C-alpha cells in the first residue's frame, strides 16, 4: 500500500458556558489545535463570517449560533491579525426585507456594535447563477457572490438535529448562501430526501469555507432544527473541512456519519475524508465528551425506511407529517409563505395543510417562530418507533 492519504484535523475543546472568558478561551484553543499557517488570517478584503441565523429566535433557544461564539471568533481572528477586515452575513428563510429583526433577536446586532464588524444580508448582494445543474426539475439556482468574492470564509454553525436531514452542522449551514425564496424553490424541485441531500453535498463542492467553528456549547436534540430541545453539550468543535467536522459531530450525537444521506453523497462526489480513519481528532476524545444520551429526531427511523422496499409496501400505514397546533399560533403566515408547494392555507379555525400536495420538506416546521408546527405520526409508526414529540417544551 502507498502512503497514508491526506489527513483532516478536527479539534474538540470543552466549553462550560457562554461567558466571554470561557468561550474566547475555547475558540482560541480549538483554532490553535488545528495548527494553521501563520498567514492564514492575513487576507486582502473582508473575511466573511457565516453563522447559523435560521430564524428569528433568541440565543437561549439554541436555534441560532450563539452571539458569544460569534464574538469570540472575531476576537480570535483579531488576535492573529489585528487589522483584519470582517463582515457577518447570512440569508435566513423568511427574512427577505426584515432581516434587521433577525439580527436583533439573535444577538448579532450587539456583536456588531461591540466589535465594529458590519452585518450584511445576502438578499442585498449580487448572486452568481448556476445552470445545467444535473438535478432533474432544477434548471438553475444562484449563490450569493460573496461566497466567491470573499478571500476567506469562516463557517460558524450550530450542532443540531434536523427532522429532514437527521442532523445539521457545517455542510448544511452553507444552504444559507442561497438567497431569497430560492430555498423553497429548491425544496419544491427536489422533494426527495436523497436528491435534496445530493444537492447539499454538491453545494459543498461550490462553496468551500477555509475554517469551520461549531457552537456545540448548547446544542439541539429531538425535532430540530428549530423545534427541538436545547441540551448542554459543552463543546467547541473546529476543523478545516466541512465533511470531516460533520462526521465528528455525528459521532458526538451518537449516530453513524454514513446514516446521514448528504455525507454519503459527499463521499460519492469525492470530497472530504471519505473515511473516518482519515480524520485527525485533536484535543478531547469523542468518547470522553460524547453526551450520555442525545435524542435524535423522532422521524429518524421513518426517514431511513422511506427509501426502502418496506416503506413502499406500507406507505399508507407508516408515515409522519407536519401539523399546526392552533394553541399558540399567531397566524403570522410565515409557514404559509415558506411552503414551496402552497399546501398550507388559512381557515377560520387555524391553518390547514393539504397532505396530497405536501412534499414533507418541513420548511414550515423549520421556520415557525412559535414552535406551533409539529409532527404527527400514524398509529403504526407510533407502535414501531419512538415518536415522542421532542419539540414540546419541557
Protein backbone atom coordinates (compact mmCIF):
# COMPACT_ATOMS: atom_id res chain seq x y z
CA UNK A 1 0.00 0.00 0.00
CA UNK A 2 1.05 3.60 -0.65
CA UNK A 3 1.47 6.35 1.91
CA UNK A 4 -1.48 7.38 4.07
CA UNK A 5 -3.71 9.87 2.17
CA UNK A 6 -4.43 13.40 3.31
CA UNK A 7 -5.40 13.82 6.96
CA UNK A 8 -8.23 16.12 8.10
CA UNK A 9 -7.75 17.81 11.51
CA UNK A 10 -10.78 18.36 13.74
CA UNK A 11 -10.39 19.77 17.24
CA UNK A 12 -12.74 19.27 20.18
CA UNK A 13 -12.46 21.60 23.19
CA UNK A 14 -14.57 21.77 26.33
CA UNK A 15 -16.53 24.99 26.89
CA UNK A 16 -18.62 25.12 30.06
CA UNK A 17 -20.81 28.12 29.24
CA UNK A 18 -21.20 31.23 27.10
CA UNK A 19 -19.29 33.61 29.35
CA UNK A 20 -16.89 35.76 27.29
CA UNK A 21 -13.79 34.40 29.03
CA UNK A 22 -14.81 30.74 28.70
CA UNK A 23 -15.97 31.00 25.09
CA UNK A 24 -12.97 33.01 23.91
CA UNK A 25 -10.54 30.60 25.54
CA UNK A 26 -12.28 27.58 23.98
CA UNK A 27 -12.44 29.08 20.48
CA UNK A 28 -8.79 30.19 20.65
CA UNK A 29 -7.68 26.73 21.78
CA UNK A 30 -9.79 24.95 19.15
CA UNK A 31 -8.25 27.07 16.38
CA UNK A 32 -4.72 26.66 17.77
CA UNK A 33 -5.04 22.86 17.79
CA UNK A 34 -5.58 22.94 14.03
CA UNK A 35 -2.04 24.32 13.58
CA UNK A 36 -2.99 26.71 10.78
CA UNK A 37 -0.37 28.51 8.75
CA UNK A 38 0.94 31.77 10.21
CA UNK A 39 -0.62 33.81 7.40
CA UNK A 40 -3.99 32.00 7.46
CA UNK A 41 -5.94 35.09 8.56
CA UNK A 42 -3.86 37.60 6.58
CA UNK A 43 -6.07 38.37 3.60
CA UNK A 44 -6.86 41.28 1.35
CA UNK A 45 -10.55 42.04 1.58
CA UNK A 46 -13.14 41.21 4.24
CA UNK A 47 -13.22 37.81 5.90
CA UNK A 48 -16.80 36.53 5.79
CA UNK A 49 -18.25 35.05 8.97
CA UNK A 50 -21.25 32.80 8.23
CA UNK A 51 -23.21 31.91 11.40
CA UNK A 52 -26.45 29.96 11.54
CA UNK A 53 -29.27 32.52 11.53
CA UNK A 54 -32.07 30.09 10.77
CA UNK A 55 -34.97 32.10 12.12
CA UNK A 56 -35.93 34.92 14.48
CA UNK A 57 -35.08 33.23 17.80
CA UNK A 58 -33.31 34.32 20.97
CA UNK A 59 -29.91 32.70 21.71
CA UNK A 60 -31.16 30.56 24.59
CA UNK A 61 -33.44 28.66 22.20
CA UNK A 62 -30.33 27.04 20.65
CA UNK A 63 -31.69 27.58 17.12
CA UNK A 64 -29.04 30.07 16.01
CA UNK A 65 -25.31 30.42 16.57
CA UNK A 66 -24.83 31.98 19.99
CA UNK A 67 -23.55 35.58 19.81
CA UNK A 68 -20.84 34.78 22.37
CA UNK A 69 -19.31 32.25 19.97
CA UNK A 70 -19.58 34.67 17.05
CA UNK A 71 -17.86 37.43 19.02
CA UNK A 72 -15.18 35.01 20.23
CA UNK A 73 -14.40 34.06 16.62
CA UNK A 74 -13.96 37.75 15.78
CA UNK A 75 -11.59 38.21 18.70
CA UNK A 76 -9.65 35.07 17.76
CA UNK A 77 -9.14 36.38 14.23
CA UNK A 78 -8.02 39.79 15.51
CA UNK A 79 -5.57 38.17 17.92
CA UNK A 80 -3.74 36.84 14.86
CA UNK A 81 -4.43 39.76 12.54
CA UNK A 82 -5.34 42.98 14.41
CA UNK A 83 -6.14 44.75 11.16
CA UNK A 84 -8.39 42.00 9.79
CA UNK A 85 -11.42 43.28 7.94
CA UNK A 86 -14.55 41.17 8.52
CA UNK A 87 -18.28 41.04 7.86
CA UNK A 88 -21.10 38.85 9.17
CA UNK A 89 -23.58 37.54 6.63
CA UNK A 90 -26.45 35.11 6.09
CA UNK A 91 -29.80 34.69 4.36
CA UNK A 92 -32.31 33.24 6.83
CA UNK A 93 -35.51 31.74 5.48
CA UNK A 94 -38.46 34.12 5.67
CA UNK A 95 -36.35 37.21 6.36
CA UNK A 96 -36.48 39.00 3.00
CA UNK A 97 -36.56 42.71 3.92
CA UNK A 98 -36.98 42.13 7.67
CA UNK A 99 -33.53 40.75 8.42
CA UNK A 100 -32.73 43.50 10.95
CA UNK A 101 -35.24 41.96 13.37
CA UNK A 102 -33.49 38.58 12.94
CA UNK A 103 -30.10 40.11 13.78
CA UNK A 104 -31.54 41.86 16.82
CA UNK A 105 -33.33 38.77 18.18
CA UNK A 106 -30.29 36.50 17.72
CA UNK A 107 -27.99 38.96 19.47
CA UNK A 108 -25.92 39.66 16.35
CA UNK A 109 -26.68 43.39 16.38
CA UNK A 110 -24.95 43.75 19.73
CA UNK A 111 -21.97 41.73 18.46
CA UNK A 112 -21.68 44.12 15.52
CA UNK A 113 -21.85 47.12 17.86
CA UNK A 114 -19.28 45.63 20.25
CA UNK A 115 -16.76 44.71 17.57
CA UNK A 116 -17.41 47.12 14.72
CA UNK A 117 -17.88 44.21 12.29
CA UNK A 118 -20.78 45.03 9.92
CA UNK A 119 -23.77 42.80 9.27
CA UNK A 120 -24.64 42.11 5.64
CA UNK A 121 -27.65 40.46 4.04
CA UNK A 122 -27.13 38.10 1.12
CA UNK A 123 -30.50 39.30 -0.16
CA UNK A 124 -28.97 42.70 -0.90
CA UNK A 125 -25.96 41.34 -2.79
CA UNK A 126 -25.47 40.07 -6.31
CA UNK A 127 -25.78 36.35 -6.96
CA UNK A 128 -23.87 34.01 -9.21
CA UNK A 129 -26.15 31.80 -11.36
CA UNK A 130 -25.60 28.09 -11.92
CA UNK A 131 -27.29 26.39 -14.85
CA UNK A 132 -27.39 22.83 -16.16
CA UNK A 133 -27.24 21.68 -12.57
CA UNK A 134 -27.60 17.95 -13.19
CA UNK A 135 -30.69 17.82 -10.98
CA UNK A 136 -33.94 16.87 -12.67
CA UNK A 137 -36.54 19.59 -12.11
CA UNK A 138 -33.96 22.20 -11.11
CA UNK A 139 -32.90 24.14 -14.19
CA UNK A 140 -30.91 26.76 -12.33
CA UNK A 141 -30.20 28.36 -8.97
CA UNK A 142 -27.89 31.05 -7.69
CA UNK A 143 -25.47 31.56 -4.82
CA UNK A 144 -24.57 34.85 -3.19
CA UNK A 145 -21.47 36.22 -4.90
CA UNK A 146 -19.92 36.94 -1.54
CA UNK A 147 -19.28 33.19 -1.29
CA UNK A 148 -16.84 33.57 -4.17
CA UNK A 149 -15.63 37.14 -3.65
CA UNK A 150 -14.58 36.70 -0.01
CA UNK A 151 -10.90 35.77 0.33
CA UNK A 152 -11.67 33.72 3.46
CA UNK A 153 -14.92 32.27 4.78
CA UNK A 154 -15.33 31.10 8.37
CA UNK A 155 -18.41 28.92 8.81
CA UNK A 156 -19.88 29.10 12.34
CA UNK A 157 -22.73 26.55 12.51
CA UNK A 158 -24.74 25.17 15.40
CA UNK A 159 -24.78 21.48 16.41
CA UNK A 160 -28.42 20.43 15.94
CA UNK A 161 -30.65 17.60 14.89
CA UNK A 162 -32.78 18.06 11.78
CA UNK A 163 -36.11 16.34 11.13
CA UNK A 164 -35.50 16.19 7.37
CA UNK A 165 -31.74 15.58 7.09
CA UNK A 166 -31.24 13.96 10.55
CA UNK A 167 -28.57 16.47 11.59
CA UNK A 168 -27.38 19.92 10.57
CA UNK A 169 -24.00 21.47 11.11
CA UNK A 170 -21.16 22.62 8.85
CA UNK A 171 -22.30 21.21 5.49
CA UNK A 172 -25.98 22.13 5.80
CA UNK A 173 -25.19 25.65 7.07
CA UNK A 174 -23.94 26.54 3.59
CA UNK A 175 -27.56 26.42 2.37
CA UNK A 176 -27.79 29.95 3.75
CA UNK A 177 -25.66 31.16 0.84
CA UNK A 178 -28.68 30.63 -1.42
CA UNK A 179 -30.59 33.91 -1.16
CA UNK A 180 -34.28 34.66 -1.04
CA UNK A 181 -37.11 32.33 -1.89
CA UNK A 182 -34.85 30.05 -3.89
CA UNK A 183 -34.51 27.82 -0.84
CA UNK A 184 -38.19 26.94 -1.09
CA UNK A 185 -37.92 26.59 -4.87
CA UNK A 186 -35.12 24.05 -4.47
CA UNK A 187 -37.16 22.08 -1.92
CA UNK A 188 -40.05 22.02 -4.41
CA UNK A 189 -37.80 20.91 -7.27
CA UNK A 190 -36.05 18.29 -5.12
CA UNK A 191 -38.69 16.92 -2.74
CA UNK A 192 -36.97 13.55 -2.41
CA UNK A 193 -34.77 13.27 0.66
CA UNK A 194 -31.95 11.67 -1.33
CA UNK A 195 -31.97 14.25 -4.12
CA UNK A 196 -32.02 17.16 -1.68
CA UNK A 197 -29.14 15.58 0.23
CA UNK A 198 -27.23 15.21 -3.03
CA UNK A 199 -27.78 18.93 -3.60
CA UNK A 200 -26.32 19.76 -0.17
CA UNK A 201 -23.26 17.68 -1.00
CA UNK A 202 -22.97 19.37 -4.40
CA UNK A 203 -23.25 22.81 -2.75
CA UNK A 204 -20.21 21.89 -0.65
CA UNK A 205 -18.19 21.45 -3.83
CA UNK A 206 -19.03 25.02 -4.87
CA UNK A 207 -18.68 26.91 -1.58
CA UNK A 208 -15.56 25.99 0.38
CA UNK A 209 -15.06 27.80 3.70
CA UNK A 210 -11.49 27.58 4.94
CA UNK A 211 -12.47 27.15 8.58
CA UNK A 212 -15.47 25.78 10.49
CA UNK A 213 -16.06 26.59 14.18
CA UNK A 214 -19.09 24.82 15.66
CA UNK A 215 -21.16 26.18 18.51
CA UNK A 216 -21.79 22.99 20.48
CA UNK A 217 -21.94 24.59 23.92
CA UNK A 218 -25.72 24.33 23.97
CA UNK A 219 -26.90 22.09 21.13
CA UNK A 220 -30.33 20.98 19.97
CA UNK A 221 -31.70 17.46 20.26
CA UNK A 222 -35.06 15.98 19.27
CA UNK A 223 -37.08 17.50 16.46
CA UNK A 224 -34.62 20.16 15.29
CA UNK A 225 -33.54 22.35 13.66
CA UNK A 226 -35.88 24.83 15.36
CA UNK A 227 -38.46 22.93 17.41
CA UNK A 228 -36.16 20.60 19.31
CA UNK A 229 -34.91 20.85 22.87
CA UNK A 230 -31.77 22.77 23.93
CA UNK A 231 -29.26 20.47 25.61
CA UNK A 232 -25.94 21.38 27.21
CA UNK A 233 -23.08 19.63 25.41
CA UNK A 234 -20.29 21.98 26.49
CA UNK A 235 -18.06 21.89 23.41
CA UNK A 236 -16.47 23.90 20.64
CA UNK A 237 -15.59 21.85 17.54
CA UNK A 238 -13.36 23.21 14.76
CA UNK A 239 -11.89 21.96 11.50
CA UNK A 240 -10.81 22.94 8.02
CA UNK A 241 -13.18 20.60 6.14
CA UNK A 242 -16.98 20.69 6.44
CA UNK A 243 -17.47 16.95 5.93
CA UNK A 244 -14.80 15.98 8.47
CA UNK A 245 -16.39 18.31 11.04
CA UNK A 246 -19.86 16.87 10.42
CA UNK A 247 -18.59 13.31 10.70
CA UNK A 248 -17.16 14.09 14.13
CA UNK A 249 -20.38 15.86 15.17
CA UNK A 250 -22.35 12.77 14.10
CA UNK A 251 -20.28 10.66 16.47
CA UNK A 252 -20.88 13.18 19.25
CA UNK A 253 -24.61 12.77 18.59
CA UNK A 254 -24.23 9.00 18.71
CA UNK A 255 -25.04 8.25 15.07
CA UNK A 256 -23.04 6.84 12.18
CA UNK A 257 -21.94 9.59 9.77
CA UNK A 258 -22.99 7.39 6.87
CA UNK A 259 -26.58 7.31 8.08
CA UNK A 260 -26.71 11.00 7.07
CA UNK A 261 -27.51 10.96 3.37
CA UNK A 262 -25.72 14.15 2.40
CA UNK A 263 -22.49 12.77 3.90
CA UNK A 264 -22.88 9.59 1.84
CA UNK A 265 -23.48 11.72 -1.23
CA UNK A 266 -20.36 13.74 -0.47
CA UNK A 267 -18.35 10.53 -0.40
CA UNK A 268 -19.66 9.71 -3.88
CA UNK A 269 -18.57 13.15 -5.06
CA UNK A 270 -15.09 12.52 -3.72
CA UNK A 271 -14.97 15.47 -1.33
CA UNK A 272 -13.77 15.36 2.26
CA UNK A 273 -12.14 12.46 4.08
CA UNK A 274 -14.48 9.73 2.85
CA UNK A 275 -13.37 7.50 5.72
CA UNK A 276 -13.36 8.29 9.42
CA UNK A 277 -9.82 6.96 9.87
CA UNK A 278 -8.55 9.90 7.82
CA UNK A 279 -9.80 12.37 10.46
CA UNK A 280 -7.22 13.51 12.99
CA UNK A 281 -9.21 14.32 16.14
CA UNK A 282 -7.30 16.68 18.41
CA UNK A 283 -7.97 17.91 21.93
CA UNK A 284 -10.68 15.91 23.67
CA UNK A 285 -11.51 12.36 22.62
CA UNK A 286 -15.01 11.82 21.25
CA UNK A 287 -15.74 9.01 23.71
CA UNK A 288 -14.79 11.23 26.66
CA UNK A 289 -17.11 14.14 25.80
CA UNK A 290 -19.99 12.45 23.99
CA UNK A 291 -23.31 13.17 25.78
CA UNK A 292 -24.69 10.24 27.74
CA UNK A 293 -27.82 10.40 25.63
CA UNK A 294 -28.65 12.58 22.66
CA UNK A 295 -32.19 12.32 21.34
CA UNK A 296 -32.49 12.10 17.58
CA UNK A 297 -35.45 13.34 15.54
CA UNK A 298 -38.50 11.18 16.11
CA UNK A 299 -38.69 10.76 12.33
CA UNK A 300 -35.17 9.31 12.17
CA UNK A 301 -36.07 5.66 11.69
CA UNK A 302 -39.02 6.51 9.46
CA UNK A 303 -36.84 8.55 7.14
CA UNK A 304 -34.31 5.73 6.92
CA UNK A 305 -37.11 3.45 5.76
CA UNK A 306 -38.74 5.88 3.33
CA UNK A 307 -36.37 4.95 0.51
CA UNK A 308 -36.63 1.20 1.06
CA UNK A 309 -38.88 -1.53 -0.25
CA UNK A 310 -40.55 -1.91 3.13
CA UNK A 311 -41.93 1.61 3.19
CA UNK A 312 -43.17 1.34 -0.40
CA UNK A 313 -45.32 -1.58 0.70
CA UNK A 314 -46.63 0.06 3.86
CA UNK A 315 -46.52 3.78 2.98
CA UNK A 316 -50.21 4.23 3.78
CA UNK A 317 -49.71 2.89 7.28
CA UNK A 318 -46.31 4.25 8.35
CA UNK A 319 -45.87 8.00 7.98
CA UNK A 320 -45.03 11.28 9.64
CA UNK A 321 -46.25 14.71 8.61
CA UNK A 322 -46.40 18.28 9.92
CA UNK A 323 -49.48 19.80 11.54
CA UNK A 324 -50.21 23.20 13.06
CA UNK A 325 -51.18 23.34 16.72
CA UNK A 326 -53.69 26.20 16.93
CA UNK A 327 -52.73 26.80 20.57
CA UNK A 328 -50.04 29.45 20.40
CA UNK A 329 -50.32 30.04 16.64
CA UNK A 330 -50.23 33.78 15.96
CA UNK A 331 -51.35 33.43 12.33
CA UNK A 332 -48.22 35.27 11.22
CA UNK A 333 -48.33 33.34 7.95
CA UNK A 334 -44.63 32.51 7.82
CA UNK A 335 -45.35 28.78 7.43
CA UNK A 336 -47.68 29.53 4.51
CA UNK A 337 -45.08 31.80 2.89
CA UNK A 338 -42.35 29.20 3.34
CA UNK A 339 -44.28 26.28 1.84
CA UNK A 340 -42.73 25.63 -1.60
CA UNK A 341 -45.83 23.89 -2.96
CA UNK A 342 -48.57 26.08 -1.47
CA UNK A 343 -50.00 23.26 0.62
CA UNK A 344 -50.95 25.48 3.59
CA UNK A 345 -53.90 27.87 3.84
CA UNK A 346 -55.66 29.94 6.49
CA UNK A 347 -59.04 28.71 7.71
CA UNK A 348 -61.47 30.09 10.27
CA UNK A 349 -60.06 27.75 12.92
CA UNK A 350 -56.34 27.88 12.11
CA UNK A 351 -54.06 26.68 9.30
CA UNK A 352 -54.92 23.71 7.13
CA UNK A 353 -52.43 21.50 5.28
CA UNK A 354 -53.24 19.75 2.01
CA UNK A 355 -51.40 16.48 2.57
CA UNK A 356 -51.86 15.40 -1.03
CA UNK A 357 -49.76 18.40 -2.06
CA UNK A 358 -47.33 18.35 0.91
CA UNK A 359 -43.83 17.12 -0.01
CA UNK A 360 -42.71 16.70 3.62
CA UNK A 361 -39.80 19.14 3.29
CA UNK A 362 -40.64 20.52 6.77
CA UNK A 363 -39.87 24.13 5.84
CA UNK A 364 -42.93 25.12 7.86
CA UNK A 365 -41.66 23.19 10.88
CA UNK A 366 -38.22 24.74 10.49
CA UNK A 367 -39.29 28.38 10.20
CA UNK A 368 -42.16 28.66 12.68
CA UNK A 369 -41.15 31.20 15.33
CA UNK A 370 -43.66 29.88 17.87
CA UNK A 371 -42.99 26.10 17.75
CA UNK A 372 -46.60 25.50 16.75
CA UNK A 373 -45.79 23.47 13.64
CA UNK A 374 -45.26 19.98 14.99
CA UNK A 375 -45.01 16.43 13.68
CA UNK A 376 -47.71 13.80 13.91
CA UNK A 377 -47.31 10.10 13.22
CA UNK A 378 -49.51 7.27 12.09
CA UNK A 379 -50.68 4.71 14.65
CA UNK A 380 -48.30 2.06 13.29
CA UNK A 381 -45.37 4.49 13.29
CA UNK A 382 -46.01 5.23 16.95
CA UNK A 383 -46.09 1.50 17.66
CA UNK A 384 -42.91 0.67 15.78
CA UNK A 385 -40.72 3.63 16.69
CA UNK A 386 -40.12 6.16 19.43
CA UNK A 387 -42.10 9.10 18.06
CA UNK A 388 -42.25 11.32 21.12
CA UNK A 389 -42.56 14.96 20.02
CA UNK A 390 -39.30 16.35 21.33
CA UNK A 391 -40.35 19.76 20.08
CA UNK A 392 -42.59 20.19 23.08
CA UNK A 393 -41.12 22.49 25.69
CA UNK A 394 -40.03 20.85 28.92
